[in-house]
Amino acid sequence: MIWNIFYPDEFTIDDVYENAAFVYMIQFTNTNEYYFGVKQVYKALKDVSKLTHETRESNWFEYLSSSKSVKERIQAGEPFRKTILWMFPTLQQASNLETALISIFGTHPLNINQAIMTKQRLKKDNGYQFSVLQRIMGDLS
C-alpha cells in the first residue's frame, strides 16, 4: 500500500529522503478509526544533517505500524489508508508532533492509539512545530 501525502502542496513522496522522520496516520476506512505514529526514514539517523553515503534507508516505504493490533487488522484484510501528515529533518521534531497529536486526539472514540511512549527535550524553533500542530489539528478536527 502506497503512502498518501496529507499536504501535497507542502510535500511529495520524494521529499521523504530529505528528512529524518515523518508523522503518519493509519485510518481504517470502514470504521474511520485512526492511529498516529512516527517513522524514521533512515536506520539510526535522528538528524538528516548527519546523513552520509553510508547511512542506510529504513523500511519506511512498506512500513505499517509498531502497533500489534493495527498490524493484525491490516493483515486480516481490513481496508485502510496510510498517510504521511508531516515530514521533519529531525526525529525529535517528528516525535514531538506525534506525542502532541496522541495527547490531543488519544481519548477520541475513533482513535486507537493506546499509549504515548516518549521522553525527550523540546526543541525551540520560533513556533514552527506549534504552527504545524495547529494546522494539522484544524484539518483533522
C-alpha atoms as a PDB file:
ATOM      1  CA  MET A   1       0.000   0.000   0.000  1.00  0.00           C
ATOM      2  CA  ILE A   2       1.408   3.331  -1.070  1.00  0.00           C
ATOM      3  CA  TRP A   3       1.698   6.347   1.211  1.00  0.00           C
ATOM      4  CA  ASN A   4      -0.697   9.259   0.717  1.00  0.00           C
ATOM      5  CA  ILE A   5       0.529  12.781   1.438  1.00  0.00           C
ATOM      6  CA  PHE A   6      -1.798  14.821   3.682  1.00  0.00           C
ATOM      7  CA  TYR A   7      -0.445  18.145   2.372  1.00  0.00           C
ATOM      8  CA  PRO A   8       0.520  17.638  -1.286  1.00  0.00           C
ATOM      9  CA  ASP A   9       1.048  21.410  -1.558  1.00  0.00           C
ATOM     10  CA  GLU A  10       3.869  21.080   1.025  1.00  0.00           C
ATOM     11  CA  PHE A  11       5.458  17.699   0.234  1.00  0.00           C
ATOM     12  CA  THR A  12       5.843  14.964  -2.344  1.00  0.00           C
ATOM     13  CA  ILE A  13       6.815  11.381  -1.601  1.00  0.00           C
ATOM     14  CA  ASP A  14      10.339  12.175  -2.860  1.00  0.00           C
ATOM     15  CA  ASP A  15      10.749  14.731  -0.049  1.00  0.00           C
ATOM     16  CA  VAL A  16      10.879  11.852   2.431  1.00  0.00           C
ATOM     17  CA  TYR A  17      14.559  11.346   1.583  1.00  0.00           C
ATOM     18  CA  GLU A  18      15.384  14.912   2.647  1.00  0.00           C
ATOM     19  CA  ASN A  19      14.034  14.279   6.151  1.00  0.00           C
ATOM     20  CA  ALA A  20      14.930  12.088   9.111  1.00  0.00           C
ATOM     21  CA  ALA A  21      11.385  11.123  10.111  1.00  0.00           C
ATOM     22  CA  PHE A  22       7.715  11.654   9.454  1.00  0.00           C
ATOM     23  CA  VAL A  23       4.459  11.502  11.375  1.00  0.00           C
ATOM     24  CA  TYR A  24       1.798   9.303   9.848  1.00  0.00           C
ATOM     25  CA  MET A  25      -1.824   8.334  10.321  1.00  0.00           C
ATOM     26  CA  ILE A  26      -3.323   4.964   9.504  1.00  0.00           C
ATOM     27  CA  GLN A  27      -7.078   5.124   9.042  1.00  0.00           C
ATOM     28  CA  PHE A  28      -9.350   2.110   8.740  1.00  0.00           C
ATOM     29  CA  THR A  29     -11.747   3.228   6.050  1.00  0.00           C
ATOM     30  CA  ASN A  30     -14.707   1.050   7.055  1.00  0.00           C
ATOM     31  CA  THR A  31     -14.814   2.378  10.651  1.00  0.00           C
ATOM     32  CA  ASN A  32     -12.897   5.703  10.394  1.00  0.00           C
ATOM     33  CA  GLU A  33     -10.748   4.590  13.334  1.00  0.00           C
ATOM     34  CA  TYR A  34      -7.248   6.015  13.163  1.00  0.00           C
ATOM     35  CA  TYR A  35      -3.773   5.638  14.615  1.00  0.00           C
ATOM     36  CA  PHE A  36      -0.864   8.104  14.793  1.00  0.00           C
ATOM     37  CA  GLY A  37       2.757   7.042  14.559  1.00  0.00           C
ATOM     38  CA  VAL A  38       6.251   8.227  13.732  1.00  0.00           C
ATOM     39  CA  LYS A  39       8.726   6.552  11.386  1.00  0.00           C
ATOM     40  CA  GLN A  40      12.412   7.139  10.779  1.00  0.00           C
ATOM     41  CA  VAL A  41      13.429   7.339   7.127  1.00  0.00           C
ATOM     42  CA  TYR A  42      16.964   6.086   7.750  1.00  0.00           C
ATOM     43  CA  LYS A  43      18.252   3.470  10.178  1.00  0.00           C
ATOM     44  CA  ALA A  44      19.700   5.008  13.360  1.00  0.00           C
ATOM     45  CA  LEU A  45      19.644   8.551  11.918  1.00  0.00           C
ATOM     46  CA  LYS A  46      17.987  11.141  14.139  1.00  0.00           C
ATOM     47  CA  ASP A  47      19.033  14.266  12.233  1.00  0.00           C
ATOM     48  CA  VAL A  48      19.109  14.479   8.442  1.00  0.00           C
ATOM     49  CA  SER A  49      22.035  16.923   8.614  1.00  0.00           C
ATOM     50  CA  LYS A  50      24.158  13.938   9.686  1.00  0.00           C
ATOM     51  CA  LEU A  51      23.233  11.886   6.606  1.00  0.00           C
ATOM     52  CA  THR A  52      26.246  10.230   4.950  1.00  0.00           C
ATOM     53  CA  HIS A  53      26.710   7.943   1.960  1.00  0.00           C
ATOM     54  CA  GLU A  54      26.940   5.060   4.452  1.00  0.00           C
ATOM     55  CA  THR A  55      23.526   5.774   6.017  1.00  0.00           C
ATOM     56  CA  ARG A  56      21.003   3.050   5.272  1.00  0.00           C
ATOM     57  CA  GLU A  57      17.365   3.583   4.416  1.00  0.00           C
ATOM     58  CA  SER A  58      14.789   2.116   6.806  1.00  0.00           C
ATOM     59  CA  ASN A  59      11.801   0.041   5.728  1.00  0.00           C
ATOM     60  CA  TRP A  60       9.630   3.173   5.725  1.00  0.00           C
ATOM     61  CA  PHE A  61       8.023   2.532   2.330  1.00  0.00           C
ATOM     62  CA  GLU A  62       6.392  -0.773   3.260  1.00  0.00           C
ATOM     63  CA  TYR A  63       6.093   0.033   6.973  1.00  0.00           C
ATOM     64  CA  LEU A  64       2.683  -0.423   8.562  1.00  0.00           C
ATOM     65  CA  SER A  65       2.905   0.260  12.295  1.00  0.00           C
ATOM     66  CA  SER A  66       4.586  -0.705  15.536  1.00  0.00           C
ATOM     67  CA  SER A  67       1.124  -1.433  16.943  1.00  0.00           C
ATOM     68  CA  LYS A  68       0.355  -5.136  17.085  1.00  0.00           C
ATOM     69  CA  SER A  69      -3.409  -4.568  16.854  1.00  0.00           C
ATOM     70  CA  VAL A  70      -3.066  -2.262  13.835  1.00  0.00           C
ATOM     71  CA  LYS A  71      -0.847  -4.782  12.023  1.00  0.00           C
ATOM     72  CA  GLU A  72      -3.281  -7.617  12.840  1.00  0.00           C
ATOM     73  CA  ARG A  73      -6.223  -5.691  11.405  1.00  0.00           C
ATOM     74  CA  ILE A  74      -4.280  -4.892   8.234  1.00  0.00           C
ATOM     75  CA  GLN A  75      -3.111  -8.497   7.850  1.00  0.00           C
ATOM     76  CA  ALA A  76      -6.719  -9.645   8.321  1.00  0.00           C
ATOM     77  CA  GLY A  77      -7.629  -7.629   5.226  1.00  0.00           C
ATOM     78  CA  GLU A  78      -9.382  -4.669   6.799  1.00  0.00           C
ATOM     79  CA  PRO A  79      -9.337  -1.750   4.327  1.00  0.00           C
ATOM     80  CA  PHE A  80      -7.047   1.082   5.377  1.00  0.00           C
ATOM     81  CA  ARG A  81      -5.248   4.165   4.174  1.00  0.00           C
ATOM     82  CA  LYS A  82      -1.807   5.292   5.339  1.00  0.00           C
ATOM     83  CA  THR A  83      -0.979   8.973   5.163  1.00  0.00           C
ATOM     84  CA  ILE A  84       2.132  10.999   5.886  1.00  0.00           C
ATOM     85  CA  LEU A  85       0.956  14.025   7.866  1.00  0.00           C
ATOM     86  CA  TRP A  86       4.276  15.920   8.048  1.00  0.00           C
ATOM     87  CA  MET A  87       7.993  15.359   7.469  1.00  0.00           C
ATOM     88  CA  PHE A  88      10.782  16.668   9.692  1.00  0.00           C
ATOM     89  CA  PRO A  89      14.573  16.989   9.478  1.00  0.00           C
ATOM     90  CA  THR A  90      14.904  15.536  12.988  1.00  0.00           C
ATOM     91  CA  LEU A  91      13.338  12.590  14.763  1.00  0.00           C
ATOM     92  CA  GLN A  92      12.887  14.812  17.822  1.00  0.00           C
ATOM     93  CA  GLN A  93      10.560  17.173  15.945  1.00  0.00           C
ATOM     94  CA  ALA A  94       8.553  14.287  14.497  1.00  0.00           C
ATOM     95  CA  SER A  95       8.246  12.628  17.908  1.00  0.00           C
ATOM     96  CA  ASN A  96       7.055  15.894  19.437  1.00  0.00           C
ATOM     97  CA  LEU A  97       4.251  16.155  16.874  1.00  0.00           C
ATOM     98  CA  GLU A  98       3.262  12.505  17.301  1.00  0.00           C
ATOM     99  CA  THR A  99       3.113  12.959  21.080  1.00  0.00           C
ATOM    100  CA  ALA A 100       1.028  16.124  20.771  1.00  0.00           C
ATOM    101  CA  LEU A 101      -1.442  14.502  18.368  1.00  0.00           C
ATOM    102  CA  ILE A 102      -1.878  11.442  20.579  1.00  0.00           C
ATOM    103  CA  SER A 103      -2.263  13.690  23.642  1.00  0.00           C
ATOM    104  CA  ILE A 104      -4.992  15.707  21.950  1.00  0.00           C
ATOM    105  CA  PHE A 105      -6.820  13.020  19.956  1.00  0.00           C
ATOM    106  CA  GLY A 106      -5.922   9.947  22.014  1.00  0.00           C
ATOM    107  CA  THR A 107      -9.144   9.856  24.017  1.00  0.00           C
ATOM    108  CA  HIS A 108     -11.361  10.399  20.965  1.00  0.00           C
ATOM    109  CA  PRO A 109     -13.552   7.301  20.483  1.00  0.00           C
ATOM    110  CA  LEU A 110     -12.198   6.694  16.963  1.00  0.00           C
ATOM    111  CA  ASN A 111      -8.534   6.969  17.966  1.00  0.00           C
ATOM    112  CA  ILE A 112      -6.913   3.585  18.585  1.00  0.00           C
ATOM    113  CA  ASN A 113      -3.549   4.696  20.000  1.00  0.00           C
ATOM    114  CA  GLN A 114      -3.131   3.010  23.367  1.00  0.00           C
ATOM    115  CA  ALA A 115      -0.100   4.795  24.786  1.00  0.00           C
ATOM    116  CA  ILE A 116       2.341   7.648  24.453  1.00  0.00           C
ATOM    117  CA  MET A 117       5.888   6.324  24.587  1.00  0.00           C
ATOM    118  CA  THR A 118       8.319   9.240  24.601  1.00  0.00           C
ATOM    119  CA  LYS A 119      10.648  11.247  26.778  1.00  0.00           C
ATOM    120  CA  GLN A 120      12.635  13.958  25.082  1.00  0.00           C
ATOM    121  CA  ARG A 121      13.749  17.540  25.123  1.00  0.00           C
ATOM    122  CA  LEU A 122      11.624  20.163  23.457  1.00  0.00           C
ATOM    123  CA  LYS A 123      13.361  21.970  20.619  1.00  0.00           C
ATOM    124  CA  LYS A 124      12.537  25.667  20.441  1.00  0.00           C
ATOM    125  CA  ASP A 125      12.138  26.729  16.823  1.00  0.00           C
ATOM    126  CA  ASN A 126      10.293  30.068  16.867  1.00  0.00           C
ATOM    127  CA  GLY A 127       6.922  28.346  16.767  1.00  0.00           C
ATOM    128  CA  TYR A 128       7.429  26.183  13.666  1.00  0.00           C
ATOM    129  CA  GLN A 129       6.376  22.902  15.319  1.00  0.00           C
ATOM    130  CA  PHE A 130       3.484  24.672  17.032  1.00  0.00           C
ATOM    131  CA  SER A 131       2.205  26.081  13.717  1.00  0.00           C
ATOM    132  CA  VAL A 132       2.419  22.610  12.118  1.00  0.00           C
ATOM    133  CA  LEU A 133       0.454  21.158  15.050  1.00  0.00           C
ATOM    134  CA  GLN A 134      -2.194  23.885  14.786  1.00  0.00           C
ATOM    135  CA  ARG A 135      -2.595  23.320  11.047  1.00  0.00           C
ATOM    136  CA  ILE A 136      -2.932  19.546  11.358  1.00  0.00           C
ATOM    137  CA  MET A 137      -5.299  19.815  14.333  1.00  0.00           C
ATOM    138  CA  GLY A 138      -7.523  22.192  12.393  1.00  0.00           C
ATOM    139  CA  ASP A 139      -7.610  19.952   9.354  1.00  0.00           C
ATOM    140  CA  LEU A 140      -8.238  16.743  11.331  1.00  0.00           C
ATOM    141  CA  SER A 141     -10.968  18.242  13.530  1.00  0.00           C
END
